[in-house]
Amino acid sequence: MSLSEGAARSRLRTLLKVALLIALLIVANYFAHELADALNFQIRASNEDAVHRTIMTSAALYSLLLAIPFVPGAEVGLALIAMLGPPIAFLVYVCTVGGLALSFAVGRLIPLTVLIRLTEDFNFRRMAKILNAIEPMNRQDRLAFLASKAPARFRPVLLRYRHLALAVTLNVPGNFLIGGGGGIALLAGISRLYSVPGFIATIAIAVAPVPLAVLFFGNEFLAK
């Protein structure tokens, strides 16, 4: 086999892997939308048990979907709140924290060598280069290195207030472009810049505004 044939096969394998990843994300997104639509039903005395099972199953699936990068799992949580209002707000809040914590844990547990190999397989050379650079570093060196890649005006904030930066990133519109809540939590875990208690405390505060607003103001808050 010639060198050109080997390179062509390597590119083909990379394209197939990327296509598989995209297909999986499309399926997960479709499932999230379908689940959110399925929650639009009426509650009657005759179907109370079925409704309870549906709510608990949906809450568990919501946590799992939220943990997946680039999947709009938040739609399921909003659908639950829209259907049941304030009584379900706390459960949705707990599931939101749980889903983000799950994604963070996956990021913390995956060895960087595995991630480096994956990024190289998918030909994400820039990401592979960054991961190779930070692998031998300690937490402070990693923070300084990653902050150096950000625009100069943001570096002091990232260096001194990384927990605040995480909370803001989770709530800014358009964060789906960087992976949504699941992707952000996964990257936070991969970076090893956040302790487990620090991350949990940060997201517990960051995701609280909407459930609290629904508890105090009811579903009218979502309609505004």
N, C-alpha and C. Protein backbone atom coordinates (compact mmCIF):
# COMPACT_ATOMS: atom_id res chain seq x y z
N MET A 1 0.86 -1.21 0.00
CA MET A 1 0.00 0.00 0.00
C MET A 1 0.88 1.24 0.00
N SER A 2 0.62 2.14 -0.93
CA SER A 2 1.41 3.35 -1.05
C SER A 2 1.09 4.33 0.07
N LEU A 3 1.97 5.34 0.21
CA LEU A 3 1.78 6.36 1.24
C LEU A 3 0.49 7.14 1.02
N SER A 4 0.19 7.44 -0.26
CA SER A 4 -1.04 8.20 -0.56
C SER A 4 -2.28 7.39 -0.23
N GLU A 5 -2.23 6.07 -0.48
CA GLU A 5 -3.38 5.22 -0.16
C GLU A 5 -3.58 5.15 1.35
N GLY A 6 -2.47 5.07 2.09
CA GLY A 6 -2.57 5.05 3.55
C GLY A 6 -3.16 6.34 4.09
N ALA A 7 -2.76 7.47 3.53
CA ALA A 7 -3.29 8.76 3.96
C ALA A 7 -4.77 8.87 3.63
N ALA A 8 -5.16 8.34 2.46
CA ALA A 8 -6.56 8.39 2.05
C ALA A 8 -7.42 7.54 2.99
N ARG A 9 -6.93 6.39 3.36
CA ARG A 9 -7.67 5.53 4.28
C ARG A 9 -7.78 6.17 5.67
N SER A 10 -6.71 6.83 6.09
CA SER A 10 -6.74 7.52 7.39
C SER A 10 -7.78 8.62 7.39
N ARG A 11 -7.83 9.40 6.29
CA ARG A 11 -8.83 10.47 6.20
C ARG A 11 -10.23 9.89 6.18
N LEU A 12 -10.40 8.75 5.48
CA LEU A 12 -11.72 8.12 5.41
C LEU A 12 -12.17 7.65 6.79
N ARG A 13 -11.25 7.04 7.56
CA ARG A 13 -11.60 6.61 8.92
C ARG A 13 -11.98 7.80 9.78
N THR A 14 -11.25 8.91 9.63
CA THR A 14 -11.57 10.11 10.40
C THR A 14 -12.96 10.63 10.05
N LEU A 15 -13.26 10.66 8.75
CA LEU A 15 -14.58 11.15 8.29
C LEU A 15 -15.70 10.26 8.82
N LEU A 16 -15.47 8.94 8.81
CA LEU A 16 -16.48 8.01 9.32
C LEU A 16 -16.72 8.22 10.82
N LYS A 17 -15.66 8.45 11.56
CA LYS A 17 -15.80 8.70 13.00
C LYS A 17 -16.56 9.99 13.27
N VAL A 18 -16.23 11.04 12.51
CA VAL A 18 -16.93 12.31 12.67
C VAL A 18 -18.40 12.16 12.30
N ALA A 19 -18.67 11.42 11.21
CA ALA A 19 -20.06 11.20 10.78
C ALA A 19 -20.83 10.44 11.85
N LEU A 20 -20.19 9.44 12.48
CA LEU A 20 -20.84 8.67 13.54
C LEU A 20 -21.15 9.56 14.74
N LEU A 21 -20.20 10.42 15.11
CA LEU A 21 -20.40 11.33 16.23
C LEU A 21 -21.56 12.28 15.96
N ILE A 22 -21.60 12.83 14.75
CA ILE A 22 -22.68 13.75 14.37
C ILE A 22 -24.03 13.03 14.40
N ALA A 23 -24.05 11.80 13.90
CA ALA A 23 -25.29 11.02 13.88
C ALA A 23 -25.79 10.77 15.30
N LEU A 24 -24.89 10.45 16.21
CA LEU A 24 -25.28 10.21 17.60
C LEU A 24 -25.84 11.48 18.23
N LEU A 25 -25.23 12.62 17.94
CA LEU A 25 -25.73 13.88 18.49
C LEU A 25 -27.10 14.23 17.91
N ILE A 26 -27.30 13.95 16.63
CA ILE A 26 -28.61 14.21 16.00
C ILE A 26 -29.69 13.35 16.64
N VAL A 27 -29.37 12.08 16.87
CA VAL A 27 -30.34 11.18 17.51
C VAL A 27 -30.66 11.65 18.92
N ALA A 28 -29.64 12.05 19.68
CA ALA A 28 -29.87 12.53 21.05
C ALA A 28 -30.70 13.80 21.06
N ASN A 29 -30.43 14.71 20.11
CA ASN A 29 -31.22 15.94 20.01
C ASN A 29 -32.68 15.63 19.66
N TYR A 30 -32.87 14.71 18.72
CA TYR A 30 -34.23 14.33 18.33
C TYR A 30 -34.98 13.73 19.51
N PHE A 31 -34.30 12.88 20.27
CA PHE A 31 -34.92 12.25 21.43
C PHE A 31 -35.31 13.30 22.48
N ALA A 32 -34.45 14.29 22.68
CA ALA A 32 -34.74 15.35 23.65
C ALA A 32 -35.98 16.13 23.24
N HIS A 33 -36.09 16.47 21.95
CA HIS A 33 -37.26 17.22 21.46
C HIS A 33 -38.53 16.37 21.58
N GLU A 34 -38.42 15.09 21.24
CA GLU A 34 -39.59 14.22 21.32
C GLU A 34 -40.05 14.04 22.77
N LEU A 35 -39.10 13.93 23.68
CA LEU A 35 -39.45 13.78 25.08
C LEU A 35 -40.14 15.03 25.61
N ALA A 36 -39.63 16.19 25.20
CA ALA A 36 -40.25 17.46 25.63
C ALA A 36 -41.68 17.56 25.09
N ASP A 37 -41.89 17.16 23.84
CA ASP A 37 -43.24 17.20 23.25
C ASP A 37 -44.17 16.21 23.94
N ALA A 38 -43.63 15.05 24.35
CA ALA A 38 -44.46 14.02 24.98
C ALA A 38 -44.99 14.46 26.34
N LEU A 39 -44.36 15.45 26.94
CA LEU A 39 -44.79 15.92 28.26
C LEU A 39 -46.00 16.85 28.20
N ASN A 40 -46.45 17.13 27.00
CA ASN A 40 -47.61 18.01 26.83
C ASN A 40 -48.90 17.19 26.87
N PHE A 41 -49.35 16.83 28.09
CA PHE A 41 -50.59 16.06 28.24
C PHE A 41 -51.35 16.58 29.45
N GLN A 42 -52.61 16.20 29.54
CA GLN A 42 -53.45 16.66 30.64
C GLN A 42 -53.40 15.67 31.80
N ILE A 43 -53.45 16.21 33.00
CA ILE A 43 -53.43 15.39 34.22
C ILE A 43 -54.86 15.20 34.71
N ARG A 44 -55.27 13.94 34.83
CA ARG A 44 -56.61 13.62 35.32
C ARG A 44 -56.49 12.59 36.44
N ALA A 45 -57.55 12.42 37.19
CA ALA A 45 -57.53 11.44 38.28
C ALA A 45 -57.31 10.03 37.76
N SER A 46 -57.80 9.77 36.56
CA SER A 46 -57.70 8.43 36.00
C SER A 46 -56.29 8.07 35.55
N ASN A 47 -55.43 9.06 35.32
CA ASN A 47 -54.09 8.75 34.84
C ASN A 47 -53.00 9.24 35.79
N GLU A 48 -53.37 9.41 37.08
CA GLU A 48 -52.43 9.97 38.05
C GLU A 48 -51.18 9.11 38.22
N ASP A 49 -51.37 7.77 38.32
CA ASP A 49 -50.22 6.88 38.49
C ASP A 49 -49.30 6.93 37.28
N ALA A 50 -49.90 6.91 36.09
CA ALA A 50 -49.10 6.97 34.86
C ALA A 50 -48.36 8.30 34.77
N VAL A 51 -49.00 9.37 35.19
CA VAL A 51 -48.35 10.68 35.16
C VAL A 51 -47.15 10.70 36.10
N HIS A 52 -47.34 10.12 37.28
CA HIS A 52 -46.23 10.09 38.26
C HIS A 52 -45.03 9.33 37.68
N ARG A 53 -45.29 8.17 37.06
CA ARG A 53 -44.20 7.39 36.47
C ARG A 53 -43.54 8.17 35.34
N THR A 54 -44.35 8.85 34.54
CA THR A 54 -43.81 9.62 33.43
C THR A 54 -42.92 10.75 33.92
N ILE A 55 -43.35 11.40 34.98
CA ILE A 55 -42.58 12.52 35.53
C ILE A 55 -41.23 12.04 36.07
N MET A 56 -41.24 10.96 36.83
CA MET A 56 -39.98 10.47 37.41
C MET A 56 -39.04 9.96 36.32
N THR A 57 -39.61 9.26 35.32
CA THR A 57 -38.78 8.78 34.21
C THR A 57 -38.21 9.95 33.42
N SER A 58 -39.05 10.95 33.17
CA SER A 58 -38.60 12.13 32.42
C SER A 58 -37.52 12.89 33.17
N ALA A 59 -37.67 12.97 34.50
CA ALA A 59 -36.67 13.67 35.31
C ALA A 59 -35.31 12.96 35.22
N ALA A 60 -35.33 11.62 35.27
CA ALA A 60 -34.08 10.86 35.18
C ALA A 60 -33.45 11.02 33.79
N LEU A 61 -34.29 10.93 32.75
CA LEU A 61 -33.78 11.11 31.38
C LEU A 61 -33.28 12.53 31.16
N TYR A 62 -33.94 13.49 31.80
CA TYR A 62 -33.51 14.89 31.71
C TYR A 62 -32.08 15.04 32.23
N SER A 63 -31.77 14.43 33.36
CA SER A 63 -30.41 14.50 33.91
C SER A 63 -29.40 13.92 32.94
N LEU A 64 -29.74 12.77 32.33
CA LEU A 64 -28.82 12.12 31.41
C LEU A 64 -28.63 12.95 30.14
N LEU A 65 -29.72 13.49 29.59
CA LEU A 65 -29.62 14.30 28.38
C LEU A 65 -28.84 15.58 28.64
N LEU A 66 -29.06 16.17 29.81
CA LEU A 66 -28.36 17.41 30.13
C LEU A 66 -26.86 17.19 30.22
N ALA A 67 -26.45 15.99 30.59
CA ALA A 67 -25.02 15.69 30.74
C ALA A 67 -24.31 15.52 29.40
N ILE A 68 -25.07 15.38 28.30
CA ILE A 68 -24.47 15.15 26.99
C ILE A 68 -24.20 16.49 26.31
N PRO A 69 -22.96 16.73 25.91
CA PRO A 69 -22.65 17.99 25.22
C PRO A 69 -23.46 18.16 23.93
N PHE A 70 -23.87 19.39 23.66
CA PHE A 70 -24.58 19.78 22.44
C PHE A 70 -25.99 19.17 22.33
N VAL A 71 -26.54 18.70 23.44
CA VAL A 71 -27.91 18.19 23.44
C VAL A 71 -28.75 19.12 24.32
N PRO A 72 -29.85 19.69 23.79
CA PRO A 72 -30.66 20.66 24.55
C PRO A 72 -31.55 19.99 25.59
N GLY A 73 -30.95 19.35 26.57
CA GLY A 73 -31.72 18.67 27.61
C GLY A 73 -32.55 19.63 28.44
N ALA A 74 -32.12 20.91 28.49
CA ALA A 74 -32.86 21.89 29.29
C ALA A 74 -34.32 22.01 28.84
N GLU A 75 -34.60 21.71 27.58
CA GLU A 75 -35.98 21.78 27.08
C GLU A 75 -36.90 20.84 27.86
N VAL A 76 -36.37 19.68 28.22
CA VAL A 76 -37.18 18.72 28.98
C VAL A 76 -37.50 19.28 30.36
N GLY A 77 -36.52 19.89 31.01
CA GLY A 77 -36.75 20.50 32.31
C GLY A 77 -37.77 21.61 32.25
N LEU A 78 -37.67 22.45 31.23
CA LEU A 78 -38.63 23.54 31.07
C LEU A 78 -40.03 23.00 30.78
N ALA A 79 -40.10 21.89 30.02
CA ALA A 79 -41.40 21.29 29.73
C ALA A 79 -42.05 20.75 31.00
N LEU A 80 -41.24 20.14 31.87
CA LEU A 80 -41.77 19.65 33.15
C LEU A 80 -42.30 20.80 34.00
N ILE A 81 -41.54 21.90 34.05
CA ILE A 81 -41.97 23.06 34.84
C ILE A 81 -43.22 23.68 34.24
N ALA A 82 -43.27 23.78 32.91
CA ALA A 82 -44.43 24.37 32.25
C ALA A 82 -45.68 23.54 32.50
N MET A 83 -45.52 22.20 32.60
CA MET A 83 -46.67 21.33 32.78
C MET A 83 -47.17 21.34 34.22
N LEU A 84 -46.25 21.30 35.18
CA LEU A 84 -46.64 21.12 36.58
C LEU A 84 -46.39 22.35 37.46
N GLY A 85 -45.62 23.31 36.96
CA GLY A 85 -45.43 24.54 37.71
C GLY A 85 -44.54 24.40 38.93
N PRO A 86 -44.75 25.26 39.93
CA PRO A 86 -43.89 25.31 41.13
C PRO A 86 -43.65 23.97 41.84
N PRO A 87 -44.65 23.06 41.94
CA PRO A 87 -44.38 21.81 42.66
C PRO A 87 -43.24 20.97 42.10
N ILE A 88 -42.94 21.13 40.81
CA ILE A 88 -41.90 20.31 40.19
C ILE A 88 -40.57 21.04 40.11
N ALA A 89 -40.55 22.32 40.45
CA ALA A 89 -39.36 23.15 40.26
C ALA A 89 -38.15 22.60 41.02
N PHE A 90 -38.36 22.17 42.26
CA PHE A 90 -37.23 21.68 43.06
C PHE A 90 -36.66 20.39 42.47
N LEU A 91 -37.53 19.49 42.00
CA LEU A 91 -37.05 18.25 41.38
C LEU A 91 -36.23 18.56 40.13
N VAL A 92 -36.71 19.48 39.31
CA VAL A 92 -35.97 19.87 38.11
C VAL A 92 -34.62 20.47 38.50
N TYR A 93 -34.62 21.27 39.55
CA TYR A 93 -33.37 21.87 40.02
C TYR A 93 -32.37 20.80 40.44
N VAL A 94 -32.81 19.83 41.23
CA VAL A 94 -31.93 18.75 41.68
C VAL A 94 -31.41 17.95 40.49
N CYS A 95 -32.28 17.67 39.52
CA CYS A 95 -31.87 16.91 38.33
C CYS A 95 -30.89 17.71 37.48
N THR A 96 -31.06 19.03 37.44
CA THR A 96 -30.13 19.87 36.70
C THR A 96 -28.74 19.81 37.31
N VAL A 97 -28.68 19.97 38.62
CA VAL A 97 -27.39 19.87 39.32
C VAL A 97 -26.79 18.47 39.12
N GLY A 98 -27.64 17.44 39.22
CA GLY A 98 -27.17 16.08 39.05
C GLY A 98 -26.63 15.80 37.66
N GLY A 99 -27.32 16.30 36.63
CA GLY A 99 -26.86 16.08 35.26
C GLY A 99 -25.54 16.76 34.98
N LEU A 100 -25.38 18.00 35.44
CA LEU A 100 -24.12 18.73 35.24
C LEU A 100 -23.00 18.08 36.05
N ALA A 101 -23.32 17.62 37.24
CA ALA A 101 -22.30 16.94 38.07
C ALA A 101 -21.85 15.64 37.40
N LEU A 102 -22.79 14.93 36.76
CA LEU A 102 -22.44 13.69 36.06
C LEU A 102 -21.46 13.98 34.93
N SER A 103 -21.74 15.01 34.14
CA SER A 103 -20.84 15.37 33.05
C SER A 103 -19.47 15.78 33.57
N PHE A 104 -19.46 16.54 34.67
CA PHE A 104 -18.20 16.96 35.29
C PHE A 104 -17.41 15.74 35.75
N ALA A 105 -18.09 14.78 36.37
CA ALA A 105 -17.42 13.57 36.86
C ALA A 105 -16.80 12.78 35.72
N VAL A 106 -17.52 12.69 34.60
CA VAL A 106 -16.97 11.99 33.44
C VAL A 106 -15.69 12.68 32.97
N GLY A 107 -15.73 14.01 32.92
CA GLY A 107 -14.54 14.76 32.52
C GLY A 107 -13.37 14.55 33.47
N ARG A 108 -13.67 14.47 34.77
CA ARG A 108 -12.61 14.27 35.76
C ARG A 108 -12.01 12.86 35.68
N LEU A 109 -12.84 11.88 35.35
CA LEU A 109 -12.40 10.48 35.40
C LEU A 109 -11.70 10.03 34.13
N ILE A 110 -12.00 10.69 33.01
CA ILE A 110 -11.37 10.29 31.75
C ILE A 110 -9.90 10.72 31.76
N PRO A 111 -8.95 9.80 31.61
CA PRO A 111 -7.53 10.19 31.56
C PRO A 111 -7.26 11.10 30.35
N LEU A 112 -6.39 12.07 30.55
CA LEU A 112 -6.08 12.98 29.44
C LEU A 112 -5.47 12.23 28.26
N THR A 113 -4.77 11.13 28.54
CA THR A 113 -4.17 10.36 27.43
C THR A 113 -5.26 9.82 26.50
N VAL A 114 -6.40 9.42 27.09
CA VAL A 114 -7.52 8.93 26.27
C VAL A 114 -8.09 10.06 25.43
N LEU A 115 -8.26 11.23 26.02
CA LEU A 115 -8.79 12.38 25.29
C LEU A 115 -7.83 12.82 24.19
N ILE A 116 -6.55 12.77 24.47
CA ILE A 116 -5.55 13.14 23.46
C ILE A 116 -5.66 12.20 22.27
N ARG A 117 -5.78 10.90 22.56
CA ARG A 117 -5.90 9.91 21.49
C ARG A 117 -7.17 10.14 20.67
N LEU A 118 -8.28 10.48 21.35
CA LEU A 118 -9.53 10.74 20.64
C LEU A 118 -9.43 11.96 19.74
N THR A 119 -8.85 13.04 20.27
CA THR A 119 -8.72 14.26 19.46
C THR A 119 -7.79 14.02 18.27
N GLU A 120 -6.78 13.19 18.46
CA GLU A 120 -5.89 12.87 17.34
C GLU A 120 -6.62 12.01 16.31
N ASP A 121 -7.45 11.07 16.79
CA ASP A 121 -8.22 10.23 15.87
C ASP A 121 -9.17 11.06 15.02
N PHE A 122 -9.78 12.09 15.65
CA PHE A 122 -10.71 12.94 14.93
C PHE A 122 -10.01 14.09 14.22
N ASN A 123 -8.69 14.09 14.28
CA ASN A 123 -7.88 15.09 13.59
C ASN A 123 -8.10 16.51 14.14
N PHE A 124 -8.46 16.60 15.43
CA PHE A 124 -8.57 17.90 16.10
C PHE A 124 -7.19 18.28 16.61
N ARG A 125 -6.34 18.72 15.71
CA ARG A 125 -4.93 18.90 16.04
C ARG A 125 -4.69 19.99 17.07
N ARG A 126 -5.44 21.08 16.96
CA ARG A 126 -5.24 22.18 17.91
C ARG A 126 -5.61 21.74 19.34
N MET A 127 -6.74 21.06 19.46
CA MET A 127 -7.15 20.57 20.78
C MET A 127 -6.16 19.54 21.31
N ALA A 128 -5.69 18.65 20.45
CA ALA A 128 -4.71 17.65 20.88
C ALA A 128 -3.42 18.31 21.36
N LYS A 129 -3.03 19.38 20.69
CA LYS A 129 -1.81 20.10 21.08
C LYS A 129 -1.97 20.72 22.46
N ILE A 130 -3.15 21.31 22.71
CA ILE A 130 -3.41 21.93 24.02
C ILE A 130 -3.42 20.88 25.12
N LEU A 131 -4.09 19.75 24.86
CA LEU A 131 -4.17 18.68 25.87
C LEU A 131 -2.80 18.09 26.16
N ASN A 132 -1.98 17.94 25.13
CA ASN A 132 -0.62 17.44 25.33
C ASN A 132 0.19 18.41 26.18
N ALA A 133 -0.07 19.71 25.98
CA ALA A 133 0.69 20.72 26.71
C ALA A 133 0.32 20.75 28.19
N ILE A 134 -0.99 20.58 28.50
CA ILE A 134 -1.42 20.72 29.89
C ILE A 134 -1.33 19.42 30.69
N GLU A 135 -1.12 18.29 30.00
CA GLU A 135 -1.13 17.00 30.71
C GLU A 135 -0.15 16.96 31.89
N PRO A 136 1.11 17.42 31.74
CA PRO A 136 2.03 17.31 32.87
C PRO A 136 1.91 18.45 33.89
N MET A 137 1.03 19.42 33.65
CA MET A 137 0.96 20.61 34.51
C MET A 137 0.10 20.36 35.75
N ASN A 138 0.37 21.13 36.79
CA ASN A 138 -0.50 21.13 37.96
C ASN A 138 -1.67 22.09 37.73
N ARG A 139 -2.57 22.21 38.72
CA ARG A 139 -3.79 23.00 38.54
C ARG A 139 -3.49 24.46 38.22
N GLN A 140 -2.60 25.09 38.98
CA GLN A 140 -2.32 26.50 38.77
C GLN A 140 -1.67 26.76 37.42
N ASP A 141 -0.74 25.87 37.03
CA ASP A 141 -0.09 26.03 35.73
C ASP A 141 -1.09 25.86 34.59
N ARG A 142 -2.02 24.93 34.76
CA ARG A 142 -3.05 24.73 33.72
C ARG A 142 -3.93 25.97 33.59
N LEU A 143 -4.32 26.53 34.74
CA LEU A 143 -5.16 27.72 34.72
C LEU A 143 -4.45 28.87 34.02
N ALA A 144 -3.18 29.07 34.34
CA ALA A 144 -2.42 30.15 33.71
C ALA A 144 -2.27 29.90 32.22
N PHE A 145 -2.03 28.65 31.83
CA PHE A 145 -1.86 28.32 30.42
C PHE A 145 -3.14 28.56 29.63
N LEU A 146 -4.29 28.07 30.16
CA LEU A 146 -5.56 28.23 29.47
C LEU A 146 -5.98 29.69 29.42
N ALA A 147 -5.71 30.43 30.50
CA ALA A 147 -6.04 31.85 30.51
C ALA A 147 -5.22 32.61 29.49
N SER A 148 -3.99 32.15 29.24
CA SER A 148 -3.14 32.83 28.26
C SER A 148 -3.70 32.71 26.84
N LYS A 149 -4.58 31.73 26.63
CA LYS A 149 -5.19 31.56 25.30
C LYS A 149 -6.41 32.45 25.12
N ALA A 150 -6.90 33.03 26.19
CA ALA A 150 -8.07 33.91 26.13
C ALA A 150 -7.64 35.33 25.78
N PRO A 151 -8.61 36.17 25.30
CA PRO A 151 -8.28 37.58 25.06
C PRO A 151 -7.70 38.23 26.31
N ALA A 152 -6.76 39.13 26.13
CA ALA A 152 -6.02 39.72 27.24
C ALA A 152 -6.93 40.35 28.29
N ARG A 153 -8.03 40.98 27.86
CA ARG A 153 -8.89 41.68 28.82
C ARG A 153 -9.65 40.72 29.74
N PHE A 154 -9.75 39.44 29.34
CA PHE A 154 -10.47 38.47 30.16
C PHE A 154 -9.55 37.67 31.09
N ARG A 155 -8.24 37.77 30.90
CA ARG A 155 -7.32 36.93 31.65
C ARG A 155 -7.38 37.16 33.16
N PRO A 156 -7.40 38.41 33.63
CA PRO A 156 -7.47 38.61 35.10
C PRO A 156 -8.71 37.97 35.72
N VAL A 157 -9.85 38.04 35.00
CA VAL A 157 -11.09 37.46 35.51
C VAL A 157 -10.97 35.94 35.58
N LEU A 158 -10.43 35.34 34.53
CA LEU A 158 -10.30 33.88 34.49
C LEU A 158 -9.33 33.38 35.55
N LEU A 159 -8.27 34.14 35.79
CA LEU A 159 -7.26 33.72 36.75
C LEU A 159 -7.76 33.85 38.19
N ARG A 160 -8.50 34.92 38.47
CA ARG A 160 -8.90 35.20 39.85
C ARG A 160 -10.30 34.71 40.18
N TYR A 161 -11.17 34.64 39.16
CA TYR A 161 -12.57 34.33 39.43
C TYR A 161 -13.08 33.23 38.50
N ARG A 162 -12.38 32.10 38.49
CA ARG A 162 -12.76 31.05 37.54
C ARG A 162 -14.13 30.46 37.87
N HIS A 163 -14.53 30.42 39.15
CA HIS A 163 -15.85 29.91 39.50
C HIS A 163 -16.95 30.85 39.02
N LEU A 164 -16.70 32.15 39.12
CA LEU A 164 -17.66 33.13 38.60
C LEU A 164 -17.75 33.01 37.09
N ALA A 165 -16.61 32.83 36.43
CA ALA A 165 -16.61 32.68 34.97
C ALA A 165 -17.41 31.45 34.56
N LEU A 166 -17.29 30.36 35.33
CA LEU A 166 -18.06 29.14 35.04
C LEU A 166 -19.55 29.40 35.18
N ALA A 167 -19.95 30.07 36.26
CA ALA A 167 -21.37 30.35 36.49
C ALA A 167 -21.95 31.22 35.39
N VAL A 168 -21.20 32.22 34.96
CA VAL A 168 -21.67 33.12 33.90
C VAL A 168 -21.79 32.36 32.58
N THR A 169 -20.81 31.52 32.28
CA THR A 169 -20.81 30.76 31.02
C THR A 169 -22.01 29.83 30.95
N LEU A 170 -22.39 29.24 32.07
CA LEU A 170 -23.54 28.35 32.09
C LEU A 170 -24.85 29.07 31.79
N ASN A 171 -24.88 30.37 32.03
CA ASN A 171 -26.13 31.12 31.90
C ASN A 171 -26.19 32.04 30.69
N VAL A 172 -25.09 32.21 29.97
CA VAL A 172 -25.12 33.14 28.85
C VAL A 172 -25.89 32.53 27.68
N PRO A 173 -26.69 33.34 26.98
CA PRO A 173 -27.38 32.84 25.78
C PRO A 173 -26.36 32.40 24.73
N GLY A 174 -26.68 31.34 24.04
CA GLY A 174 -25.79 30.86 22.98
C GLY A 174 -24.69 29.94 23.44
N ASN A 175 -24.71 29.52 24.72
CA ASN A 175 -23.64 28.63 25.17
C ASN A 175 -23.72 27.25 24.52
N PHE A 176 -24.83 27.00 23.80
CA PHE A 176 -24.94 25.73 23.05
C PHE A 176 -23.80 25.60 22.05
N LEU A 177 -23.27 26.73 21.56
CA LEU A 177 -22.19 26.70 20.58
C LEU A 177 -20.91 26.12 21.15
N ILE A 178 -20.76 26.14 22.48
CA ILE A 178 -19.58 25.56 23.10
C ILE A 178 -19.94 24.29 23.88
N GLY A 179 -21.09 23.71 23.56
CA GLY A 179 -21.44 22.43 24.13
C GLY A 179 -22.61 22.45 25.09
N GLY A 180 -23.16 23.65 25.37
CA GLY A 180 -24.25 23.72 26.32
C GLY A 180 -23.78 23.38 27.73
N GLY A 181 -24.75 23.20 28.65
CA GLY A 181 -24.39 22.90 30.03
C GLY A 181 -23.54 21.65 30.17
N GLY A 182 -23.92 20.59 29.44
CA GLY A 182 -23.16 19.34 29.52
C GLY A 182 -21.74 19.49 29.02
N GLY A 183 -21.57 20.20 27.91
CA GLY A 183 -20.24 20.40 27.36
C GLY A 183 -19.37 21.26 28.26
N ILE A 184 -19.96 22.31 28.84
CA ILE A 184 -19.21 23.19 29.74
C ILE A 184 -18.77 22.43 30.99
N ALA A 185 -19.69 21.64 31.55
CA ALA A 185 -19.35 20.85 32.74
C ALA A 185 -18.28 19.80 32.42
N LEU A 186 -18.39 19.20 31.24
CA LEU A 186 -17.39 18.20 30.83
C LEU A 186 -16.01 18.83 30.72
N LEU A 187 -15.95 20.01 30.09
CA LEU A 187 -14.67 20.72 29.95
C LEU A 187 -14.12 21.14 31.30
N ALA A 188 -15.02 21.54 32.22
CA ALA A 188 -14.57 21.90 33.56
C ALA A 188 -13.93 20.71 34.25
N GLY A 189 -14.51 19.53 34.06
CA GLY A 189 -13.92 18.33 34.64
C GLY A 189 -12.60 17.96 33.99
N ILE A 190 -12.55 18.06 32.67
CA ILE A 190 -11.32 17.73 31.94
C ILE A 190 -10.17 18.64 32.35
N SER A 191 -10.48 19.92 32.58
CA SER A 191 -9.44 20.89 32.90
C SER A 191 -8.79 20.63 34.25
N ARG A 192 -9.49 19.92 35.15
CA ARG A 192 -9.00 19.67 36.51
C ARG A 192 -8.76 20.97 37.27
N LEU A 193 -9.43 22.05 36.89
CA LEU A 193 -9.24 23.34 37.55
C LEU A 193 -10.21 23.56 38.70
N TYR A 194 -11.21 22.68 38.82
CA TYR A 194 -12.24 22.86 39.85
C TYR A 194 -12.27 21.63 40.76
N SER A 195 -12.31 21.88 42.06
CA SER A 195 -12.52 20.78 42.99
C SER A 195 -13.99 20.34 42.90
N VAL A 196 -14.27 19.13 43.35
CA VAL A 196 -15.65 18.64 43.31
C VAL A 196 -16.58 19.53 44.14
N PRO A 197 -16.24 19.85 45.41
CA PRO A 197 -17.13 20.73 46.19
C PRO A 197 -17.28 22.11 45.55
N GLY A 198 -16.17 22.65 45.01
CA GLY A 198 -16.24 23.97 44.38
C GLY A 198 -17.14 23.98 43.16
N PHE A 199 -17.07 22.92 42.35
CA PHE A 199 -17.91 22.84 41.16
C PHE A 199 -19.37 22.70 41.54
N ILE A 200 -19.67 21.79 42.50
CA ILE A 200 -21.06 21.57 42.90
C ILE A 200 -21.66 22.86 43.46
N ALA A 201 -20.90 23.56 44.31
CA ALA A 201 -21.40 24.80 44.89
C ALA A 201 -21.66 25.84 43.80
N THR A 202 -20.77 25.91 42.82
CA THR A 202 -20.92 26.89 41.75
C THR A 202 -22.16 26.64 40.91
N ILE A 203 -22.36 25.38 40.48
CA ILE A 203 -23.51 25.11 39.63
C ILE A 203 -24.82 25.17 40.43
N ALA A 204 -24.75 24.82 41.72
CA ALA A 204 -25.95 24.89 42.56
C ALA A 204 -26.48 26.32 42.62
N ILE A 205 -25.55 27.28 42.65
CA ILE A 205 -25.95 28.70 42.65
C ILE A 205 -26.32 29.16 41.24
N ALA A 206 -25.53 28.71 40.25
CA ALA A 206 -25.70 29.20 38.88
C ALA A 206 -27.04 28.80 38.27
N VAL A 207 -27.55 27.60 38.59
CA VAL A 207 -28.79 27.13 37.97
C VAL A 207 -30.02 27.40 38.82
N ALA A 208 -29.84 28.06 39.96
CA ALA A 208 -30.96 28.29 40.88
C ALA A 208 -31.96 29.36 40.44
N PRO A 209 -31.55 30.42 39.69
CA PRO A 209 -32.49 31.52 39.43
C PRO A 209 -33.82 31.12 38.82
N VAL A 210 -33.84 30.27 37.78
CA VAL A 210 -35.10 29.92 37.12
C VAL A 210 -36.02 29.11 38.05
N PRO A 211 -35.53 28.04 38.70
CA PRO A 211 -36.42 27.33 39.64
C PRO A 211 -36.94 28.23 40.76
N LEU A 212 -36.08 29.11 41.29
CA LEU A 212 -36.52 30.02 42.35
C LEU A 212 -37.59 30.98 41.84
N ALA A 213 -37.38 31.49 40.62
CA ALA A 213 -38.36 32.42 40.05
C ALA A 213 -39.71 31.73 39.86
N VAL A 214 -39.69 30.46 39.41
CA VAL A 214 -40.94 29.72 39.23
C VAL A 214 -41.61 29.46 40.58
N LEU A 215 -40.80 29.16 41.59
CA LEU A 215 -41.37 28.93 42.93
C LEU A 215 -42.06 30.18 43.47
N PHE A 216 -41.47 31.35 43.22
CA PHE A 216 -42.01 32.59 43.77
C PHE A 216 -43.10 33.22 42.89
N PHE A 217 -42.93 33.10 41.57
CA PHE A 217 -43.83 33.80 40.66
C PHE A 217 -44.72 32.89 39.83
N GLY A 218 -44.50 31.57 39.92
CA GLY A 218 -45.32 30.64 39.15
C GLY A 218 -44.93 30.57 37.70
N ASN A 219 -45.72 29.86 36.91
CA ASN A 219 -45.42 29.69 35.48
C ASN A 219 -45.49 30.98 34.70
N GLU A 220 -46.09 32.03 35.26
CA GLU A 220 -46.16 33.30 34.56
C GLU A 220 -44.76 33.81 34.24
N PHE A 221 -43.79 33.44 35.08
CA PHE A 221 -42.41 33.88 34.85
C PHE A 221 -41.91 33.37 33.51
N LEU A 222 -42.23 32.11 33.15
CA LEU A 222 -41.76 31.53 31.89
C LEU A 222 -42.43 32.16 30.69
N ALA A 223 -43.61 32.74 30.89
CA ALA A 223 -44.35 33.31 29.76
C ALA A 223 -43.84 34.71 29.40
N LYS A 224 -43.04 35.30 30.29
CA LYS A 224 -42.58 36.66 30.05
C LYS A 224 -41.43 36.67 29.07
